[in-house]
Amino acid sequence: MNYYSRDMVKFNLFNPGEMFGTRFYPKDSPLSPSGFIADIPEGMFDGLKWAHRYNLPIIVTENGVEDDKDTLRPRYTIEHIHQVWRATNFNWRVKGYFHWSLVDNFEWERGWTQRFGLWGLDAETQARIRRPSVDLYEAICKENGVSSEVVRRFAPEILDTLFPPK
């Protein structure tokens, strides 16, 4: 399963080129720098719930956000992996999770304009640029989970949401 964001669509009689629909995100959704992806982690859970109906092993093969400054990515990654954890608590057969992408990549219809990589990439020199999310993903992999310490270090703004105070 691949999941990036949940799109909302409404009927628009004046938009025949898009099958009379207009795509949008809920008003308060944090957006990626280009506005292409909204951080809606509940959609990940709903997607896993849908996949679970087929009673097959589930592997999240792509999940990430384009964020060249690496400001939204830590929160996005933690929140989405938290939804995967929720699914496993229902004994859904989630067997793997892969972040998209390890290194910035060439997006077919958008070229180098979106930076999905944990590592940045200088397209001309091929030099890798370490982003803070490299350390975040490493910490999650080492712990095999998302701890309060990881959240405190990389996305403190969501600490009380994921780990409510007593």
N, C-alpha and C. Protein backbone atom coordinates (compact mmCIF):
# COMPACT_ATOMS: atom_id res chain seq x y z
N MET A 1 0.84 -1.17 0.00
CA MET A 1 0.00 0.00 0.00
C MET A 1 0.89 1.24 0.00
N ASN A 2 0.51 2.23 -0.75
CA ASN A 2 1.16 3.54 -0.74
C ASN A 2 0.18 4.54 -0.13
N TYR A 3 0.68 5.41 0.71
CA TYR A 3 -0.17 6.46 1.26
C TYR A 3 0.65 7.72 1.46
N TYR A 4 0.12 8.82 0.97
CA TYR A 4 0.74 10.13 1.17
C TYR A 4 -0.22 11.08 1.88
N SER A 5 -1.44 11.16 1.38
CA SER A 5 -2.39 12.11 1.94
C SER A 5 -3.80 11.69 1.54
N ARG A 6 -4.76 12.27 2.22
CA ARG A 6 -6.16 12.04 1.88
C ARG A 6 -6.67 13.28 1.15
N ASP A 7 -7.14 13.09 -0.06
CA ASP A 7 -7.69 14.19 -0.83
C ASP A 7 -9.20 14.25 -0.63
N MET A 8 -9.70 15.44 -0.53
CA MET A 8 -11.14 15.66 -0.51
C MET A 8 -11.52 16.15 -1.91
N VAL A 9 -12.70 15.79 -2.36
CA VAL A 9 -13.15 16.19 -3.69
C VAL A 9 -14.59 16.68 -3.58
N LYS A 10 -14.86 17.79 -4.25
CA LYS A 10 -16.24 18.27 -4.31
C LYS A 10 -16.62 18.51 -5.76
N PHE A 11 -17.90 18.36 -6.02
CA PHE A 11 -18.44 18.58 -7.36
C PHE A 11 -18.26 20.03 -7.77
N ASN A 12 -17.81 20.22 -9.02
CA ASN A 12 -17.64 21.57 -9.54
C ASN A 12 -18.03 21.56 -11.01
N LEU A 13 -19.21 22.03 -11.28
CA LEU A 13 -19.76 22.04 -12.64
C LEU A 13 -18.86 22.77 -13.62
N PHE A 14 -18.04 23.70 -13.14
CA PHE A 14 -17.20 24.52 -14.00
C PHE A 14 -15.79 23.96 -14.18
N ASN A 15 -15.58 22.72 -13.81
CA ASN A 15 -14.26 22.11 -13.93
C ASN A 15 -14.33 20.79 -14.71
N PRO A 16 -14.76 20.84 -15.99
CA PRO A 16 -14.91 19.60 -16.76
C PRO A 16 -13.57 18.89 -17.01
N GLY A 17 -12.48 19.64 -17.03
CA GLY A 17 -11.17 19.04 -17.27
C GLY A 17 -10.72 18.11 -16.16
N GLU A 18 -11.34 18.24 -14.99
CA GLU A 18 -11.01 17.38 -13.85
C GLU A 18 -12.24 16.54 -13.48
N MET A 19 -13.01 16.14 -14.48
CA MET A 19 -14.20 15.33 -14.30
C MET A 19 -15.20 15.99 -13.34
N PHE A 20 -15.30 17.32 -13.46
CA PHE A 20 -16.25 18.12 -12.69
C PHE A 20 -16.01 18.04 -11.18
N GLY A 21 -14.76 17.94 -10.83
CA GLY A 21 -14.41 17.89 -9.42
C GLY A 21 -13.32 18.89 -9.09
N THR A 22 -13.25 19.28 -7.83
CA THR A 22 -12.17 20.12 -7.32
C THR A 22 -11.59 19.42 -6.10
N ARG A 23 -10.29 19.25 -6.13
CA ARG A 23 -9.58 18.57 -5.04
C ARG A 23 -9.15 19.61 -4.01
N PHE A 24 -9.26 19.23 -2.72
CA PHE A 24 -8.85 20.15 -1.65
C PHE A 24 -8.52 19.34 -0.40
N TYR A 25 -7.96 20.03 0.58
CA TYR A 25 -7.65 19.43 1.87
C TYR A 25 -8.43 20.17 2.95
N PRO A 26 -8.68 19.52 4.08
CA PRO A 26 -9.34 20.23 5.19
C PRO A 26 -8.56 21.49 5.56
N LYS A 27 -9.27 22.53 5.99
CA LYS A 27 -8.70 23.87 6.20
C LYS A 27 -7.45 23.90 7.07
N ASP A 28 -7.42 23.21 8.18
CA ASP A 28 -6.31 23.32 9.12
C ASP A 28 -5.20 22.30 8.91
N SER A 29 -5.22 21.59 7.79
CA SER A 29 -4.21 20.57 7.54
C SER A 29 -2.85 21.21 7.27
N PRO A 30 -1.81 20.74 7.97
CA PRO A 30 -0.46 21.21 7.62
C PRO A 30 -0.11 20.75 6.21
N LEU A 31 0.42 21.66 5.42
CA LEU A 31 0.72 21.35 4.01
C LEU A 31 2.21 21.31 3.76
N SER A 32 2.59 20.49 2.78
CA SER A 32 3.97 20.47 2.32
C SER A 32 4.28 21.81 1.66
N PRO A 33 5.56 22.13 1.46
CA PRO A 33 5.92 23.44 0.90
C PRO A 33 5.20 23.80 -0.40
N SER A 34 4.96 22.82 -1.27
CA SER A 34 4.28 23.12 -2.53
C SER A 34 2.76 23.04 -2.41
N GLY A 35 2.27 22.58 -1.25
CA GLY A 35 0.83 22.40 -1.09
C GLY A 35 0.33 21.12 -1.73
N PHE A 36 1.24 20.28 -2.19
CA PHE A 36 0.88 19.05 -2.90
C PHE A 36 0.37 17.96 -1.95
N ILE A 37 0.88 17.94 -0.73
CA ILE A 37 0.52 16.90 0.24
C ILE A 37 0.11 17.56 1.55
N ALA A 38 -0.98 17.07 2.13
CA ALA A 38 -1.42 17.51 3.45
C ALA A 38 -1.10 16.40 4.46
N ASP A 39 -0.74 16.81 5.65
CA ASP A 39 -0.45 15.87 6.72
C ASP A 39 -1.77 15.44 7.36
N ILE A 40 -2.29 14.31 6.89
CA ILE A 40 -3.55 13.76 7.41
C ILE A 40 -3.29 12.30 7.78
N PRO A 41 -2.68 12.08 8.94
CA PRO A 41 -2.27 10.72 9.30
C PRO A 41 -3.42 9.74 9.49
N GLU A 42 -4.60 10.21 9.85
CA GLU A 42 -5.74 9.31 10.03
C GLU A 42 -6.05 8.55 8.73
N GLY A 43 -5.71 9.16 7.61
CA GLY A 43 -5.92 8.50 6.33
C GLY A 43 -5.06 7.25 6.18
N MET A 44 -3.89 7.26 6.79
CA MET A 44 -3.03 6.08 6.78
C MET A 44 -3.75 4.93 7.47
N PHE A 45 -4.32 5.20 8.64
CA PHE A 45 -5.04 4.17 9.38
C PHE A 45 -6.22 3.65 8.55
N ASP A 46 -6.96 4.57 7.94
CA ASP A 46 -8.11 4.15 7.12
C ASP A 46 -7.66 3.31 5.92
N GLY A 47 -6.52 3.67 5.34
CA GLY A 47 -5.99 2.87 4.23
C GLY A 47 -5.58 1.47 4.68
N LEU A 48 -4.96 1.38 5.85
CA LEU A 48 -4.58 0.07 6.39
C LEU A 48 -5.83 -0.75 6.73
N LYS A 49 -6.85 -0.09 7.21
CA LYS A 49 -8.11 -0.77 7.51
C LYS A 49 -8.71 -1.35 6.23
N TRP A 50 -8.68 -0.56 5.16
CA TRP A 50 -9.16 -1.03 3.86
C TRP A 50 -8.34 -2.23 3.39
N ALA A 51 -7.01 -2.14 3.48
CA ALA A 51 -6.14 -3.23 3.03
C ALA A 51 -6.36 -4.49 3.86
N HIS A 52 -6.64 -4.32 5.14
CA HIS A 52 -6.86 -5.46 6.04
C HIS A 52 -8.03 -6.34 5.59
N ARG A 53 -9.00 -5.76 4.95
CA ARG A 53 -10.19 -6.52 4.50
C ARG A 53 -9.81 -7.67 3.58
N TYR A 54 -8.67 -7.58 2.90
CA TYR A 54 -8.27 -8.62 1.94
C TYR A 54 -7.56 -9.79 2.62
N ASN A 55 -7.34 -9.69 3.93
CA ASN A 55 -6.72 -10.77 4.70
C ASN A 55 -5.39 -11.24 4.10
N LEU A 56 -4.61 -10.28 3.66
CA LEU A 56 -3.28 -10.55 3.12
C LEU A 56 -2.26 -9.75 3.92
N PRO A 57 -0.99 -10.14 3.89
CA PRO A 57 0.03 -9.31 4.54
C PRO A 57 0.04 -7.91 3.91
N ILE A 58 0.26 -6.91 4.75
CA ILE A 58 0.27 -5.52 4.29
C ILE A 58 1.68 -4.97 4.42
N ILE A 59 2.16 -4.38 3.34
CA ILE A 59 3.44 -3.69 3.37
C ILE A 59 3.20 -2.27 2.85
N VAL A 60 3.56 -1.30 3.67
CA VAL A 60 3.50 0.10 3.22
C VAL A 60 4.77 0.33 2.43
N THR A 61 4.63 0.43 1.11
CA THR A 61 5.80 0.56 0.24
C THR A 61 6.20 2.00 -0.02
N GLU A 62 5.28 2.93 0.18
CA GLU A 62 5.61 4.35 0.01
C GLU A 62 4.79 5.17 0.99
N ASN A 63 5.50 6.03 1.73
CA ASN A 63 4.85 7.00 2.61
C ASN A 63 5.87 8.09 2.90
N GLY A 64 5.54 9.30 2.56
CA GLY A 64 6.46 10.40 2.80
C GLY A 64 5.87 11.71 2.33
N VAL A 65 6.63 12.76 2.54
CA VAL A 65 6.17 14.10 2.18
C VAL A 65 7.33 14.87 1.56
N GLU A 66 7.04 15.64 0.55
CA GLU A 66 8.09 16.47 -0.05
C GLU A 66 8.28 17.68 0.84
N ASP A 67 9.54 17.90 1.24
CA ASP A 67 9.82 18.94 2.23
C ASP A 67 11.32 19.25 2.20
N ASP A 68 11.72 20.13 1.31
CA ASP A 68 13.15 20.40 1.12
C ASP A 68 13.82 20.99 2.35
N LYS A 69 13.08 21.69 3.20
CA LYS A 69 13.65 22.29 4.42
C LYS A 69 13.54 21.35 5.62
N ASP A 70 12.85 20.23 5.46
CA ASP A 70 12.71 19.22 6.51
C ASP A 70 12.03 19.78 7.76
N THR A 71 11.01 20.60 7.55
CA THR A 71 10.30 21.17 8.70
C THR A 71 9.03 20.38 9.02
N LEU A 72 8.30 19.91 8.03
CA LEU A 72 7.09 19.12 8.23
C LEU A 72 7.39 17.63 8.33
N ARG A 73 8.42 17.16 7.64
CA ARG A 73 8.70 15.73 7.53
C ARG A 73 8.82 15.01 8.88
N PRO A 74 9.51 15.55 9.89
CA PRO A 74 9.59 14.81 11.15
C PRO A 74 8.21 14.53 11.76
N ARG A 75 7.38 15.56 11.83
CA ARG A 75 6.03 15.38 12.37
C ARG A 75 5.24 14.40 11.53
N TYR A 76 5.26 14.60 10.23
CA TYR A 76 4.53 13.74 9.29
C TYR A 76 4.94 12.29 9.47
N THR A 77 6.24 12.02 9.51
CA THR A 77 6.74 10.66 9.61
C THR A 77 6.30 10.01 10.92
N ILE A 78 6.47 10.72 12.02
CA ILE A 78 6.09 10.18 13.32
C ILE A 78 4.59 9.90 13.36
N GLU A 79 3.79 10.84 12.91
CA GLU A 79 2.33 10.65 12.96
C GLU A 79 1.87 9.48 12.10
N HIS A 80 2.49 9.31 10.95
CA HIS A 80 2.08 8.21 10.07
C HIS A 80 2.55 6.86 10.59
N ILE A 81 3.74 6.80 11.13
CA ILE A 81 4.21 5.54 11.72
C ILE A 81 3.37 5.21 12.96
N HIS A 82 2.92 6.22 13.67
CA HIS A 82 2.02 5.99 14.80
C HIS A 82 0.73 5.32 14.34
N GLN A 83 0.23 5.70 13.19
CA GLN A 83 -0.99 5.07 12.65
C GLN A 83 -0.72 3.62 12.25
N VAL A 84 0.46 3.33 11.76
CA VAL A 84 0.83 1.94 11.46
C VAL A 84 0.84 1.14 12.76
N TRP A 85 1.41 1.72 13.80
CA TRP A 85 1.43 1.06 15.12
C TRP A 85 0.00 0.78 15.59
N ARG A 86 -0.89 1.75 15.43
CA ARG A 86 -2.31 1.54 15.82
C ARG A 86 -2.88 0.33 15.10
N ALA A 87 -2.59 0.23 13.81
CA ALA A 87 -3.11 -0.90 13.02
C ALA A 87 -2.58 -2.23 13.54
N THR A 88 -1.31 -2.27 13.91
CA THR A 88 -0.74 -3.52 14.41
C THR A 88 -1.37 -3.91 15.75
N ASN A 89 -1.87 -2.94 16.50
CA ASN A 89 -2.53 -3.24 17.76
C ASN A 89 -3.89 -3.90 17.56
N PHE A 90 -4.40 -3.86 16.34
CA PHE A 90 -5.62 -4.58 16.00
C PHE A 90 -5.28 -5.95 15.39
N ASN A 91 -4.00 -6.29 15.44
CA ASN A 91 -3.49 -7.53 14.84
C ASN A 91 -3.68 -7.58 13.34
N TRP A 92 -3.71 -6.43 12.70
CA TRP A 92 -3.72 -6.41 11.24
C TRP A 92 -2.32 -6.81 10.78
N ARG A 93 -2.22 -7.48 9.68
CA ARG A 93 -0.98 -8.11 9.25
C ARG A 93 -0.04 -7.12 8.54
N VAL A 94 0.36 -6.08 9.24
CA VAL A 94 1.31 -5.12 8.68
C VAL A 94 2.70 -5.71 8.85
N LYS A 95 3.35 -6.01 7.75
CA LYS A 95 4.64 -6.69 7.77
C LYS A 95 5.82 -5.77 7.47
N GLY A 96 5.56 -4.56 6.99
CA GLY A 96 6.67 -3.67 6.69
C GLY A 96 6.22 -2.25 6.41
N TYR A 97 7.18 -1.35 6.54
CA TYR A 97 6.95 0.07 6.28
C TYR A 97 8.22 0.62 5.63
N PHE A 98 8.05 1.30 4.50
CA PHE A 98 9.16 1.94 3.81
C PHE A 98 8.85 3.42 3.62
N HIS A 99 9.79 4.25 4.03
CA HIS A 99 9.64 5.69 3.84
C HIS A 99 9.98 6.02 2.38
N TRP A 100 9.23 6.94 1.80
CA TRP A 100 9.55 7.42 0.45
C TRP A 100 10.06 8.83 0.59
N SER A 101 11.25 9.04 0.32
CA SER A 101 12.27 8.18 -0.25
C SER A 101 13.55 8.34 0.56
N LEU A 102 14.48 7.44 0.37
CA LEU A 102 15.75 7.54 1.07
C LEU A 102 16.49 8.80 0.64
N VAL A 103 16.54 9.03 -0.67
CA VAL A 103 17.26 10.16 -1.25
C VAL A 103 16.32 10.89 -2.19
N ASP A 104 16.44 12.21 -2.29
CA ASP A 104 15.63 12.95 -3.27
C ASP A 104 15.69 12.25 -4.61
N ASN A 105 14.57 12.24 -5.29
CA ASN A 105 14.47 11.54 -6.56
C ASN A 105 13.82 12.42 -7.62
N PHE A 106 13.97 12.00 -8.85
CA PHE A 106 13.35 12.69 -9.98
C PHE A 106 11.91 12.22 -10.08
N GLU A 107 10.97 13.11 -9.87
CA GLU A 107 9.55 12.78 -9.99
C GLU A 107 9.16 12.97 -11.46
N TRP A 108 8.61 11.95 -12.06
CA TRP A 108 8.39 11.94 -13.51
C TRP A 108 7.68 13.18 -14.03
N GLU A 109 6.58 13.55 -13.40
CA GLU A 109 5.82 14.69 -13.94
C GLU A 109 6.23 16.02 -13.33
N ARG A 110 7.14 16.01 -12.33
CA ARG A 110 7.52 17.25 -11.66
C ARG A 110 9.03 17.48 -11.60
N GLY A 111 9.80 16.57 -12.15
CA GLY A 111 11.25 16.73 -12.17
C GLY A 111 11.85 16.76 -10.78
N TRP A 112 12.76 17.70 -10.55
CA TRP A 112 13.44 17.85 -9.26
C TRP A 112 12.78 18.88 -8.36
N THR A 113 11.52 19.24 -8.64
CA THR A 113 10.88 20.31 -7.87
C THR A 113 10.39 19.87 -6.50
N GLN A 114 10.25 18.58 -6.28
CA GLN A 114 9.79 18.09 -4.97
C GLN A 114 10.88 17.23 -4.35
N ARG A 115 11.14 17.46 -3.08
CA ARG A 115 12.23 16.77 -2.39
C ARG A 115 11.66 15.84 -1.31
N PHE A 116 11.51 14.56 -1.67
CA PHE A 116 10.93 13.57 -0.77
C PHE A 116 11.97 12.87 0.10
N GLY A 117 13.25 13.02 -0.19
CA GLY A 117 14.27 12.21 0.46
C GLY A 117 14.57 12.56 1.90
N LEU A 118 14.84 11.51 2.68
CA LEU A 118 15.41 11.74 4.01
C LEU A 118 16.75 12.44 3.82
N TRP A 119 17.49 12.01 2.81
CA TRP A 119 18.73 12.67 2.41
C TRP A 119 18.42 13.57 1.22
N GLY A 120 18.92 14.78 1.24
CA GLY A 120 18.81 15.66 0.09
C GLY A 120 19.81 15.21 -0.98
N LEU A 121 19.60 15.66 -2.19
CA LEU A 121 20.50 15.32 -3.28
C LEU A 121 20.74 16.56 -4.14
N ASP A 122 22.00 16.89 -4.34
CA ASP A 122 22.36 17.92 -5.30
C ASP A 122 22.37 17.23 -6.65
N ALA A 123 21.38 17.55 -7.49
CA ALA A 123 21.21 16.83 -8.76
C ALA A 123 22.42 16.98 -9.68
N GLU A 124 23.14 18.08 -9.61
CA GLU A 124 24.28 18.28 -10.50
C GLU A 124 25.52 17.52 -10.05
N THR A 125 25.81 17.54 -8.75
CA THR A 125 27.03 16.89 -8.26
C THR A 125 26.78 15.50 -7.69
N GLN A 126 25.51 15.15 -7.47
CA GLN A 126 25.11 13.90 -6.83
C GLN A 126 25.53 13.82 -5.36
N ALA A 127 25.94 14.94 -4.78
CA ALA A 127 26.31 14.97 -3.36
C ALA A 127 25.06 14.81 -2.51
N ARG A 128 25.16 13.99 -1.46
CA ARG A 128 24.06 13.79 -0.52
C ARG A 128 24.13 14.86 0.57
N ILE A 129 22.95 15.31 0.98
CA ILE A 129 22.84 16.36 2.00
C ILE A 129 22.05 15.77 3.17
N ARG A 130 22.69 15.67 4.31
CA ARG A 130 22.03 15.07 5.48
C ARG A 130 20.96 16.01 6.04
N ARG A 131 19.75 15.48 6.13
CA ARG A 131 18.65 16.22 6.74
C ARG A 131 18.40 15.64 8.14
N PRO A 132 17.82 16.42 9.05
CA PRO A 132 17.53 15.91 10.39
C PRO A 132 16.66 14.64 10.39
N SER A 133 15.83 14.48 9.38
CA SER A 133 14.97 13.29 9.33
C SER A 133 15.75 11.99 9.17
N VAL A 134 16.99 12.08 8.71
CA VAL A 134 17.84 10.89 8.67
C VAL A 134 18.01 10.36 10.09
N ASP A 135 18.31 11.26 11.02
CA ASP A 135 18.51 10.87 12.41
C ASP A 135 17.19 10.40 13.04
N LEU A 136 16.10 11.03 12.68
CA LEU A 136 14.79 10.61 13.17
C LEU A 136 14.51 9.17 12.74
N TYR A 137 14.63 8.90 11.46
CA TYR A 137 14.30 7.56 10.97
C TYR A 137 15.25 6.51 11.56
N GLU A 138 16.51 6.88 11.72
CA GLU A 138 17.46 5.98 12.35
C GLU A 138 17.01 5.66 13.79
N ALA A 139 16.59 6.67 14.54
CA ALA A 139 16.15 6.46 15.92
C ALA A 139 14.92 5.55 15.97
N ILE A 140 13.98 5.75 15.06
CA ILE A 140 12.78 4.92 15.01
C ILE A 140 13.16 3.47 14.70
N CYS A 141 14.06 3.28 13.74
CA CYS A 141 14.47 1.92 13.37
C CYS A 141 15.22 1.24 14.51
N LYS A 142 16.09 1.96 15.18
CA LYS A 142 16.84 1.37 16.31
C LYS A 142 15.91 0.95 17.44
N GLU A 143 14.90 1.77 17.71
CA GLU A 143 13.96 1.46 18.79
C GLU A 143 12.84 0.53 18.35
N ASN A 144 12.72 0.35 17.03
CA ASN A 144 11.61 -0.41 16.46
C ASN A 144 10.27 0.17 16.92
N GLY A 145 10.22 1.50 16.97
CA GLY A 145 9.01 2.17 17.39
C GLY A 145 9.25 3.66 17.59
N VAL A 146 8.19 4.33 17.99
CA VAL A 146 8.25 5.76 18.25
C VAL A 146 8.10 5.97 19.75
N SER A 147 9.16 6.41 20.39
CA SER A 147 9.12 6.65 21.83
C SER A 147 8.85 8.13 22.12
N SER A 148 8.52 8.40 23.36
CA SER A 148 8.29 9.80 23.74
C SER A 148 9.58 10.60 23.59
N GLU A 149 10.71 9.97 23.83
CA GLU A 149 11.99 10.68 23.67
C GLU A 149 12.24 11.07 22.22
N VAL A 150 11.92 10.17 21.29
CA VAL A 150 12.07 10.48 19.85
C VAL A 150 11.16 11.64 19.48
N VAL A 151 9.91 11.60 19.94
CA VAL A 151 8.97 12.69 19.63
C VAL A 151 9.46 13.99 20.26
N ARG A 152 9.90 13.94 21.48
CA ARG A 152 10.39 15.14 22.17
C ARG A 152 11.56 15.77 21.40
N ARG A 153 12.41 14.93 20.86
CA ARG A 153 13.61 15.41 20.16
C ARG A 153 13.31 15.96 18.76
N PHE A 154 12.42 15.28 18.03
CA PHE A 154 12.25 15.63 16.61
C PHE A 154 10.95 16.36 16.28
N ALA A 155 9.91 16.19 17.09
CA ALA A 155 8.63 16.86 16.81
C ALA A 155 7.93 17.18 18.12
N PRO A 156 8.53 18.03 18.94
CA PRO A 156 7.96 18.31 20.27
C PRO A 156 6.55 18.89 20.23
N GLU A 157 6.18 19.49 19.12
CA GLU A 157 4.84 20.09 19.02
C GLU A 157 3.72 19.06 19.08
N ILE A 158 4.02 17.77 18.86
CA ILE A 158 2.97 16.74 18.92
C ILE A 158 3.15 15.80 20.11
N LEU A 159 4.07 16.11 21.00
CA LEU A 159 4.34 15.24 22.14
C LEU A 159 3.10 14.98 22.98
N ASP A 160 2.38 16.03 23.35
CA ASP A 160 1.20 15.86 24.20
C ASP A 160 0.05 15.16 23.48
N THR A 161 0.05 15.20 22.17
CA THR A 161 -0.99 14.49 21.40
C THR A 161 -0.72 12.99 21.41
N LEU A 162 0.53 12.60 21.18
CA LEU A 162 0.86 11.17 21.13
C LEU A 162 1.08 10.57 22.51
N PHE A 163 1.57 11.38 23.43
CA PHE A 163 1.84 10.93 24.80
C PHE A 163 1.20 11.93 25.77
N PRO A 164 -0.11 11.83 25.95
CA PRO A 164 -0.81 12.81 26.80
C PRO A 164 -0.23 12.82 28.21
N PRO A 165 -0.10 14.01 28.80
CA PRO A 165 0.39 14.09 30.17
C PRO A 165 -0.61 13.46 31.13
N LYS A 166 -0.11 13.02 32.26
CA LYS A 166 -0.98 12.36 33.25
C LYS A 166 -1.90 13.35 33.90
